[in-house]
Structures are given as C-alpha cells and as structure tokens.
Amino acid sequence: EAINETGIIGMLLHNLGIEYFKQEDYQNAHIYYGKALKMADKKTAIFLNRLYNYLDNSIKGDLQTHKRHLKSAQEGLFFSKALKHPLYQHLFQLLIFQVDGETDSYYVYLEKEALPFFLSYNQINRINKFGKKLFHYFSDTKQYEKAVQISHTFIQRD
C-alpha cells in the first residue's frame, strides 16, 4: 500500500510539474518535476519520462548550468540504453545535441532518426512538437523542398 501511495504521489507531483510547464512557469515546474523524479526508480520508464521532462523544463527555463544539463542528458541516455528504450534514447540524444549547441547534428538526427521513429510508433505529441521544429528549421534555412515534405506529414495525418 505504501508503494502504491508513493507511486500516486509521484505521478501527481509530476502532473503538477506538467501544468506549470504548460503555463511556462519553469521555476515551479522544476520544483515539482524534481520531487517526482526523486521518487522514481532509475530502472523504469517512469524515471526516464520524469528525467526528460525535468531536463527539458530546466533547459527552457535556463535553471541549471550547461554542465549539469549535459550530465543529466547523458545520464538519461545511459539509462535509456540500459533499459533498451528507443523512445528515450532518441529524446535524450536530441537533448545532448541541443545542450551542446550542435544545431546541424540536432536537425540531421531529428530528420533521419528521431522523427521517423516517432512516425513509425505514432507518437502524436512528439510528431507535432519535433515535426514543427524541423519544418521551421527547413524553412529558415531555405530548404523548402524538405519543409514541404515535412508539411505533408501533418496533412496526411488529418
């Protein structure tokens, strides 16, 4: 019963972090994501999900140092490989590129590896988030044919 309560409390804290994140209140989201993260077993997908959200929020809110962000992203990649969890392997690899400022590597990886994975597993939220980022990148870098190809991804799903 105590384990179940811990799981429920962790889920509620994480969900509260999500709500603060949606409001762009990164400081409060960081607090609740952090509390939820501490309650998760590192050998679970729940931990990976919480670490990813904690880190994504921290990067957006510029709440930790570059070194800390990189260490957390590498930790996430390590655990996602240990758990053989390809979704989080892709997400943490993208965060590593982002934190290191490797823009070209980020978008090549997104185009060639991550987005095809999200599409093949029908990860709607990831497709929307990362597909739009890739579309804007292609538009901004005048790669219009690739931008049109990405836009078809959204049209075909409707």
C-alpha atoms as a PDB file:
ATOM      1  CA  GLU A   1       0.000   0.000   0.000  1.00  0.00           C
ATOM      2  CA  ALA A   2       2.830   2.433   0.840  1.00  0.00           C
ATOM      3  CA  ILE A   3       4.498   1.694  -2.509  1.00  0.00           C
ATOM      4  CA  ASN A   4       1.263   2.431  -4.340  1.00  0.00           C
ATOM      5  CA  GLU A   5       0.860   5.696  -2.426  1.00  0.00           C
ATOM      6  CA  THR A   6       4.411   6.705  -3.347  1.00  0.00           C
ATOM      7  CA  GLY A   7       3.638   5.965  -6.990  1.00  0.00           C
ATOM      8  CA  ILE A   8       0.455   8.010  -6.888  1.00  0.00           C
ATOM      9  CA  ILE A   9       2.141  10.924  -5.107  1.00  0.00           C
ATOM     10  CA  GLY A  10       4.987  10.850  -7.641  1.00  0.00           C
ATOM     11  CA  MET A  11       2.511  10.849 -10.526  1.00  0.00           C
ATOM     12  CA  LEU A  12       0.559  13.755  -9.030  1.00  0.00           C
ATOM     13  CA  LEU A  13       3.730  15.793  -8.433  1.00  0.00           C
ATOM     14  CA  HIS A  14       4.856  15.110 -11.996  1.00  0.00           C
ATOM     15  CA  ASN A  15       1.446  16.110 -13.369  1.00  0.00           C
ATOM     16  CA  LEU A  16       1.626  19.333 -11.374  1.00  0.00           C
ATOM     17  CA  GLY A  17       5.021  19.974 -12.960  1.00  0.00           C
ATOM     18  CA  ILE A  18       3.459  19.442 -16.383  1.00  0.00           C
ATOM     19  CA  GLU A  19       0.750  22.003 -15.645  1.00  0.00           C
ATOM     20  CA  TYR A  20       3.299  24.599 -14.525  1.00  0.00           C
ATOM     21  CA  PHE A  21       5.369  23.828 -17.631  1.00  0.00           C
ATOM     22  CA  LYS A  22       2.353  24.433 -19.888  1.00  0.00           C
ATOM     23  CA  GLN A  23       1.984  27.844 -18.228  1.00  0.00           C
ATOM     24  CA  GLU A  24       5.699  28.492 -18.840  1.00  0.00           C
ATOM     25  CA  ASP A  25       6.254  28.719 -15.086  1.00  0.00           C
ATOM     26  CA  TYR A  26       9.528  26.836 -15.351  1.00  0.00           C
ATOM     27  CA  GLN A  27      10.663  27.550 -11.794  1.00  0.00           C
ATOM     28  CA  ASN A  28       7.631  25.906 -10.182  1.00  0.00           C
ATOM     29  CA  ALA A  29       7.613  23.114 -12.768  1.00  0.00           C
ATOM     30  CA  HIS A  30      11.249  22.436 -11.876  1.00  0.00           C
ATOM     31  CA  ILE A  31      10.361  22.039  -8.211  1.00  0.00           C
ATOM     32  CA  TYR A  32       7.584  19.527  -8.821  1.00  0.00           C
ATOM     33  CA  TYR A  33       9.394  17.636 -11.563  1.00  0.00           C
ATOM     34  CA  GLY A  34      12.363  17.353  -9.194  1.00  0.00           C
ATOM     35  CA  LYS A  35      10.257  15.974  -6.353  1.00  0.00           C
ATOM     36  CA  ALA A  36       8.610  13.448  -8.674  1.00  0.00           C
ATOM     37  CA  LEU A  37      11.969  12.454 -10.150  1.00  0.00           C
ATOM     38  CA  LYS A  38      13.393  11.660  -6.713  1.00  0.00           C
ATOM     39  CA  MET A  39      10.501   9.241  -6.158  1.00  0.00           C
ATOM     40  CA  ALA A  40      11.112   7.228  -9.348  1.00  0.00           C
ATOM     41  CA  ASP A  41      13.134   4.034  -9.622  1.00  0.00           C
ATOM     42  CA  LYS A  42      16.036   4.628 -12.037  1.00  0.00           C
ATOM     43  CA  LYS A  43      15.415   1.255 -13.642  1.00  0.00           C
ATOM     44  CA  THR A  44      11.998   2.236 -15.032  1.00  0.00           C
ATOM     45  CA  ALA A  45      10.487   4.103 -17.951  1.00  0.00           C
ATOM     46  CA  ILE A  46       8.772   6.328 -15.378  1.00  0.00           C
ATOM     47  CA  PHE A  47      12.193   7.592 -14.326  1.00  0.00           C
ATOM     48  CA  LEU A  48      13.141   8.276 -17.954  1.00  0.00           C
ATOM     49  CA  ASN A  49       9.920  10.201 -18.540  1.00  0.00           C
ATOM     50  CA  ARG A  50      10.365  12.290 -15.421  1.00  0.00           C
ATOM     51  CA  LEU A  51      14.045  12.957 -16.095  1.00  0.00           C
ATOM     52  CA  TYR A  52      13.272  14.011 -19.661  1.00  0.00           C
ATOM     53  CA  ASN A  53      10.541  16.430 -18.571  1.00  0.00           C
ATOM     54  CA  TYR A  54      12.689  17.739 -15.708  1.00  0.00           C
ATOM     55  CA  LEU A  55      15.593  18.377 -18.063  1.00  0.00           C
ATOM     56  CA  ASP A  56      13.513  19.790 -20.929  1.00  0.00           C
ATOM     57  CA  ASN A  57      11.932  22.223 -18.474  1.00  0.00           C
ATOM     58  CA  SER A  58      15.289  23.136 -16.943  1.00  0.00           C
ATOM     59  CA  ILE A  59      16.764  23.883 -20.358  1.00  0.00           C
ATOM     60  CA  LYS A  60      13.770  26.007 -21.422  1.00  0.00           C
ATOM     61  CA  GLY A  61      13.845  27.904 -18.126  1.00  0.00           C
ATOM     62  CA  ASP A  62      17.660  28.132 -18.067  1.00  0.00           C
ATOM     63  CA  LEU A  63      17.557  26.808 -14.499  1.00  0.00           C
ATOM     64  CA  GLN A  64      20.842  24.886 -14.333  1.00  0.00           C
ATOM     65  CA  THR A  65      24.329  25.113 -15.761  1.00  0.00           C
ATOM     66  CA  HIS A  66      25.326  23.760 -19.143  1.00  0.00           C
ATOM     67  CA  LYS A  67      27.463  21.173 -17.362  1.00  0.00           C
ATOM     68  CA  ARG A  68      24.528  19.974 -15.233  1.00  0.00           C
ATOM     69  CA  HIS A  69      22.199  19.830 -18.245  1.00  0.00           C
ATOM     70  CA  LEU A  70      24.724  17.799 -20.203  1.00  0.00           C
ATOM     71  CA  LYS A  71      25.340  15.420 -17.290  1.00  0.00           C
ATOM     72  CA  SER A  72      21.592  14.827 -16.859  1.00  0.00           C
ATOM     73  CA  ALA A  73      21.072  14.252 -20.589  1.00  0.00           C
ATOM     74  CA  GLN A  74      23.959  11.781 -20.673  1.00  0.00           C
ATOM     75  CA  GLU A  75      22.533  10.027 -17.615  1.00  0.00           C
ATOM     76  CA  GLY A  76      19.185   9.764 -19.382  1.00  0.00           C
ATOM     77  CA  LEU A  77      20.823   8.346 -22.496  1.00  0.00           C
ATOM     78  CA  PHE A  78      22.742   5.818 -20.378  1.00  0.00           C
ATOM     79  CA  PHE A  79      19.625   4.596 -18.555  1.00  0.00           C
ATOM     80  CA  SER A  80      17.521   4.537 -21.730  1.00  0.00           C
ATOM     81  CA  LYS A  81      20.135   2.323 -23.374  1.00  0.00           C
ATOM     82  CA  ALA A  82      20.308   0.104 -20.286  1.00  0.00           C
ATOM     83  CA  LEU A  83      16.527  -0.266 -20.392  1.00  0.00           C
ATOM     84  CA  LYS A  84      16.587  -0.687 -24.185  1.00  0.00           C
ATOM     85  CA  HIS A  85      14.035   2.098 -24.526  1.00  0.00           C
ATOM     86  CA  PRO A  86      14.445   3.630 -28.014  1.00  0.00           C
ATOM     87  CA  LEU A  87      11.974   6.476 -27.490  1.00  0.00           C
ATOM     88  CA  TYR A  88      14.038   7.921 -24.667  1.00  0.00           C
ATOM     89  CA  GLN A  89      17.291   7.138 -26.447  1.00  0.00           C
ATOM     90  CA  HIS A  90      16.141   9.471 -29.216  1.00  0.00           C
ATOM     91  CA  LEU A  91      14.825  12.128 -26.831  1.00  0.00           C
ATOM     92  CA  PHE A  92      17.972  12.253 -24.710  1.00  0.00           C
ATOM     93  CA  GLN A  93      20.218  12.240 -27.776  1.00  0.00           C
ATOM     94  CA  LEU A  94      18.319  15.265 -29.064  1.00  0.00           C
ATOM     95  CA  LEU A  95      18.767  16.985 -25.701  1.00  0.00           C
ATOM     96  CA  ILE A  96      22.513  16.306 -25.797  1.00  0.00           C
ATOM     97  CA  PHE A  97      22.771  17.934 -29.229  1.00  0.00           C
ATOM     98  CA  GLN A  98      20.635  20.843 -28.003  1.00  0.00           C
ATOM     99  CA  VAL A  99      22.662  21.416 -24.830  1.00  0.00           C
ATOM    100  CA  ASP A 100      25.945  21.226 -26.751  1.00  0.00           C
ATOM    101  CA  GLY A 101      24.674  23.726 -29.310  1.00  0.00           C
ATOM    102  CA  GLU A 102      25.168  21.220 -32.140  1.00  0.00           C
ATOM    103  CA  THR A 103      22.368  22.629 -34.271  1.00  0.00           C
ATOM    104  CA  ASP A 104      23.259  20.850 -37.511  1.00  0.00           C
ATOM    105  CA  SER A 105      23.696  17.491 -35.757  1.00  0.00           C
ATOM    106  CA  TYR A 106      20.425  18.064 -33.905  1.00  0.00           C
ATOM    107  CA  TYR A 107      18.405  18.594 -37.078  1.00  0.00           C
ATOM    108  CA  VAL A 108      20.122  15.857 -39.087  1.00  0.00           C
ATOM    109  CA  TYR A 109      19.430  13.408 -36.255  1.00  0.00           C
ATOM    110  CA  LEU A 110      15.869  14.650 -35.942  1.00  0.00           C
ATOM    111  CA  GLU A 111      15.249  14.263 -39.676  1.00  0.00           C
ATOM    112  CA  LYS A 112      16.997  10.930 -40.189  1.00  0.00           C
ATOM    113  CA  GLU A 113      16.468   9.088 -36.891  1.00  0.00           C
ATOM    114  CA  ALA A 114      14.081  10.567 -34.347  1.00  0.00           C
ATOM    115  CA  LEU A 115      11.160  11.807 -36.443  1.00  0.00           C
ATOM    116  CA  PRO A 116      10.942   8.575 -38.483  1.00  0.00           C
ATOM    117  CA  PHE A 117      10.865   6.668 -35.187  1.00  0.00           C
ATOM    118  CA  PHE A 118       8.113   8.917 -33.788  1.00  0.00           C
ATOM    119  CA  LEU A 119       6.138   8.438 -37.015  1.00  0.00           C
ATOM    120  CA  SER A 120       6.551   4.674 -37.037  1.00  0.00           C
ATOM    121  CA  TYR A 121       5.237   4.442 -33.480  1.00  0.00           C
ATOM    122  CA  ASN A 122       2.541   7.088 -33.999  1.00  0.00           C
ATOM    123  CA  GLN A 123       3.884   9.319 -31.226  1.00  0.00           C
ATOM    124  CA  ILE A 124       1.435  12.143 -31.989  1.00  0.00           C
ATOM    125  CA  ASN A 125       2.710  14.664 -29.434  1.00  0.00           C
ATOM    126  CA  ARG A 126       6.337  14.063 -30.451  1.00  0.00           C
ATOM    127  CA  ILE A 127       5.460  14.249 -34.156  1.00  0.00           C
ATOM    128  CA  ASN A 128       3.732  17.582 -33.610  1.00  0.00           C
ATOM    129  CA  LYS A 129       6.471  19.067 -31.428  1.00  0.00           C
ATOM    130  CA  PHE A 130       9.500  17.897 -33.376  1.00  0.00           C
ATOM    131  CA  GLY A 131       7.909  17.943 -36.819  1.00  0.00           C
ATOM    132  CA  LYS A 132       7.093  21.626 -36.389  1.00  0.00           C
ATOM    133  CA  LYS A 133      10.625  22.360 -35.193  1.00  0.00           C
ATOM    134  CA  LEU A 134      12.027  20.587 -38.230  1.00  0.00           C
ATOM    135  CA  PHE A 135       9.618  22.367 -40.571  1.00  0.00           C
ATOM    136  CA  HIS A 136      10.670  25.769 -39.204  1.00  0.00           C
ATOM    137  CA  TYR A 137      14.341  24.840 -39.400  1.00  0.00           C
ATOM    138  CA  PHE A 138      13.984  23.822 -43.050  1.00  0.00           C
ATOM    139  CA  SER A 139      12.026  27.000 -43.819  1.00  0.00           C
ATOM    140  CA  ASP A 140      14.529  29.222 -42.001  1.00  0.00           C
ATOM    141  CA  THR A 141      17.463  27.583 -43.799  1.00  0.00           C
ATOM    142  CA  LYS A 142      15.690  27.847 -47.161  1.00  0.00           C
ATOM    143  CA  GLN A 143      15.405  24.073 -47.583  1.00  0.00           C
ATOM    144  CA  TYR A 144      11.929  24.494 -48.979  1.00  0.00           C
ATOM    145  CA  GLU A 145      11.548  21.060 -50.556  1.00  0.00           C
ATOM    146  CA  LYS A 146      12.273  19.406 -47.212  1.00  0.00           C
ATOM    147  CA  ALA A 147       9.872  21.806 -45.499  1.00  0.00           C
ATOM    148  CA  VAL A 148       7.137  20.770 -47.924  1.00  0.00           C
ATOM    149  CA  GLN A 149       7.911  17.086 -47.291  1.00  0.00           C
ATOM    150  CA  ILE A 150       7.559  17.629 -43.534  1.00  0.00           C
ATOM    151  CA  SER A 151       4.317  19.551 -44.028  1.00  0.00           C
ATOM    152  CA  HIS A 152       2.907  16.505 -45.840  1.00  0.00           C
ATOM    153  CA  THR A 153       3.443  14.546 -42.635  1.00  0.00           C
ATOM    154  CA  PHE A 154       0.871  16.755 -40.950  1.00  0.00           C
ATOM    155  CA  ILE A 155      -1.527  16.841 -43.888  1.00  0.00           C
ATOM    156  CA  GLN A 156      -1.504  13.042 -44.304  1.00  0.00           C
ATOM    157  CA  ARG A 157      -2.363  12.511 -40.634  1.00  0.00           C
ATOM    158  CA  ASP A 158      -5.504  14.669 -40.729  1.00  0.00           C
END
